C-alpha atoms as a PDB file:
ATOM      1  CA  MET A   1       6.495  -2.510  -0.225  1.00  0.00           C
ATOM      2  CA  PRO A   2       9.815  -4.179   0.624  1.00  0.00           C
ATOM      3  CA  ASP A   3      11.755  -1.170   1.787  1.00  0.00           C
ATOM      4  CA  MET A   4       8.873   1.065   3.288  1.00  0.00           C
ATOM      5  CA  ARG A   5       9.669   2.319   6.684  1.00  0.00           C
ATOM      6  CA  GLY A   6       6.500   4.251   7.153  1.00  0.00           C
ATOM      7  CA  LEU A   7       3.428   5.927   5.614  1.00  0.00           C
ATOM      8  CA  ARG A   8       1.731   9.133   7.158  1.00  0.00           C
ATOM      9  CA  VAL A   9      -1.594  10.450   5.949  1.00  0.00           C
ATOM     10  CA  VAL A  10      -1.230  14.236   5.528  1.00  0.00           C
ATOM     11  CA  ARG A  11      -4.522  15.275   3.845  1.00  0.00           C
ATOM     12  CA  ARG A  12      -8.115  13.938   3.524  1.00  0.00           C
ATOM     13  CA  ASP A  13     -10.923  15.411   1.524  1.00  0.00           C
ATOM     14  CA  GLY A  14     -13.791  13.136   1.490  1.00  0.00           C
ATOM     15  CA  VAL A  15     -12.636   9.887  -0.248  1.00  0.00           C
ATOM     16  CA  ARG A  16      -9.442  11.618  -1.377  1.00  0.00           C
ATOM     17  CA  VAL A  17      -6.227  10.935   0.374  1.00  0.00           C
ATOM     18  CA  GLU A  18      -2.592  12.207   0.217  1.00  0.00           C
ATOM     19  CA  ALA A  19       0.106  10.527   2.158  1.00  0.00           C
ATOM     20  CA  LEU A  20       3.859  10.612   2.569  1.00  0.00           C
ATOM     21  CA  ALA A  21       5.938   7.456   2.348  1.00  0.00           C
ATOM     22  CA  ARG A  22       9.457   7.035   3.415  1.00  0.00           C
ATOM     23  CA  SER A  23      11.701   4.181   2.585  1.00  0.00           C
ATOM     24  CA  LYS A  24      14.299   2.677   4.970  1.00  0.00           C
ATOM     25  CA  TYR A  25      16.909   4.088   2.527  1.00  0.00           C
ATOM     26  CA  GLY A  26      15.788   7.654   2.916  1.00  0.00           C
ATOM     27  CA  MET A  27      13.639   7.972  -0.341  1.00  0.00           C
ATOM     28  CA  ARG A  28      10.328   9.631  -0.204  1.00  0.00           C
ATOM     29  CA  ALA A  29       7.188   9.598  -2.078  1.00  0.00           C
ATOM     30  CA  ARG A  30       4.058  11.580  -2.022  1.00  0.00           C
ATOM     31  CA  LEU A  31       1.133   9.295  -2.886  1.00  0.00           C
ATOM     32  CA  ARG A  32      -2.435  10.408  -3.750  1.00  0.00           C
ATOM     33  CA  GLY A  33      -5.449   8.307  -4.193  1.00  0.00           C
ATOM     34  CA  GLU A  34      -8.815   7.117  -2.805  1.00  0.00           C
ATOM     35  CA  GLN A  35      -9.930   5.569   0.491  1.00  0.00           C
ATOM     36  CA  ARG A  36     -13.464   4.068   0.528  1.00  0.00           C
ATOM     37  CA  PRO A  37     -15.243   1.595   2.686  1.00  0.00           C
ATOM     38  CA  GLY A  38     -13.265  -1.722   2.449  1.00  0.00           C
ATOM     39  CA  TRP A  39     -10.397  -0.468   0.146  1.00  0.00           C
ATOM     40  CA  CYS A  40      -7.634   1.969  -0.482  1.00  0.00           C
ATOM     41  CA  TRP A  41      -5.625   2.787  -3.607  1.00  0.00           C
ATOM     42  CA  LEU A  42      -2.641   5.236  -3.466  1.00  0.00           C
ATOM     43  CA  GLN A  43       0.076   5.968  -6.224  1.00  0.00           C
ATOM     44  CA  SER A  44       2.896   8.420  -6.801  1.00  0.00           C
ATOM     45  CA  ARG A  45       4.831   8.824  -9.860  1.00  0.00           C
ATOM     46  CA  PHE A  46       6.914   5.670  -9.150  1.00  0.00           C
ATOM     47  CA  LEU A  47       4.892   3.656  -6.544  1.00  0.00           C
ATOM     48  CA  LEU A  48       1.441   1.899  -6.347  1.00  0.00           C
ATOM     49  CA  LEU A  49      -0.029   0.787  -3.168  1.00  0.00           C
ATOM     50  CA  GLY A  50      -3.550  -1.062  -2.819  1.00  0.00           C
ATOM     51  CA  VAL A  51      -5.370  -2.699   0.125  1.00  0.00           C
ATOM     52  CA  ALA A  52      -8.737  -4.119   0.584  1.00  0.00           C
ATOM     53  CA  ALA A  53     -10.554  -5.863   3.563  1.00  0.00           C
ATOM     54  CA  ALA A  54     -13.866  -7.718   3.793  1.00  0.00           C
ATOM     55  CA  PRO A  55     -15.701  -9.916   6.130  1.00  0.00           C
ATOM     56  CA  ASP A  56     -15.114 -13.656   5.559  1.00  0.00           C
ATOM     57  CA  GLY A  57     -16.922 -15.853   7.894  1.00  0.00           C
ATOM     58  CA  ASP A  58     -15.604 -15.277  11.420  1.00  0.00           C
ATOM     59  CA  GLY A  59     -12.577 -13.461  10.033  1.00  0.00           C
ATOM     60  CA  THR A  60     -11.532 -10.860   7.523  1.00  0.00           C
ATOM     61  CA  ARG A  61     -10.026 -11.301   4.175  1.00  0.00           C
ATOM     62  CA  VAL A  62      -7.208  -8.904   3.395  1.00  0.00           C
ATOM     63  CA  ALA A  63      -5.567  -8.244   0.051  1.00  0.00           C
ATOM     64  CA  PHE A  64      -3.036  -5.990  -0.968  1.00  0.00           C
ATOM     65  CA  THR A  65      -0.580  -5.066  -3.895  1.00  0.00           C
ATOM     66  CA  GLY A  66       2.061  -2.718  -4.623  1.00  0.00           C
ATOM     67  CA  GLY A  67       5.033  -2.247  -6.883  1.00  0.00           C
ATOM     68  CA  VAL A  68       7.187   0.224  -8.762  1.00  0.00           C
ATOM     69  CA  ARG A  69       5.777   2.007 -11.660  1.00  0.00           C
ATOM     70  CA  VAL A  70       8.242   2.518 -14.604  1.00  0.00           C
ATOM     71  CA  PRO A  71       7.508   5.635 -16.605  1.00  0.00           C
ATOM     72  CA  GLY A  72       6.748   4.786 -20.224  1.00  0.00           C
ATOM     73  CA  ARG A  73       5.603   1.180 -19.491  1.00  0.00           C
ATOM     74  CA  ALA A  74       2.218   0.020 -18.741  1.00  0.00           C
ATOM     75  CA  ALA A  75       3.452  -2.809 -16.527  1.00  0.00           C
ATOM     76  CA  LEU A  76       3.859  -2.642 -12.795  1.00  0.00           C
ATOM     77  CA  VAL A  77       7.072  -4.270 -11.565  1.00  0.00           C
ATOM     78  CA  PRO A  78       6.077  -6.162  -8.286  1.00  0.00           C
ATOM     79  CA  LEU A  79       9.597  -6.157  -6.628  1.00  0.00           C
ATOM     80  CA  GLY A  80       9.589  -8.097  -3.392  1.00  0.00           C
ATOM     81  CA  VAL A  81       5.867  -8.112  -2.932  1.00  0.00           C
ATOM     82  CA  ARG A  82       5.244 -11.812  -2.371  1.00  0.00           C
ATOM     83  CA  ARG A  83       7.963 -11.926   0.369  1.00  0.00           C
ATOM     84  CA  GLU A  84       6.880  -8.686   2.011  1.00  0.00           C
ATOM     85  CA  GLY A  85       3.211  -9.507   1.680  1.00  0.00           C
ATOM     86  CA  GLU A  86       3.827 -12.702   3.730  1.00  0.00           C
ATOM     87  CA  ARG A  87       5.817 -10.907   6.331  1.00  0.00           C
ATOM     88  CA  SER A  88       3.060  -8.309   6.591  1.00  0.00           C
ATOM     89  CA  LEU A  89       0.309 -10.940   6.850  1.00  0.00           C
ATOM     90  CA  ARG A  90       2.356 -12.623   9.673  1.00  0.00           C
ATOM     91  CA  ARG A  91       2.633  -9.456  11.672  1.00  0.00           C
ATOM     92  CA  LEU A  92      -1.204  -8.529  11.152  1.00  0.00           C
ATOM     93  CA  ARG A  93      -1.893 -12.151  12.558  1.00  0.00           C
ATOM     94  CA  GLU A  94       0.360 -11.635  15.571  1.00  0.00           C
ATOM     95  CA  LEU A  95      -1.426  -8.289  16.366  1.00  0.00           C
ATOM     96  CA  LEU A  96      -4.802 -10.024  16.204  1.00  0.00           C
END
């Protein structure tokens, strides 16, 4: 997410996960979802986050998505996802 400062897992129960997210502007969200081998999906009233990873030859293929949920609309609004995604993947490459 473009403005996310941090995410902290506060509860786990089997595959169920609850996390608190904070934006760099001070907004907070309580996300709930599932984490299973290879993927995680979290959502709050206004946010969706998904990440998956799988072996790919000698490396790992990583995919993620996220966006803003708009109540009353079926669509996800992917504000800044491409730019932030490229930045996140660059940082991940540097760490590895």
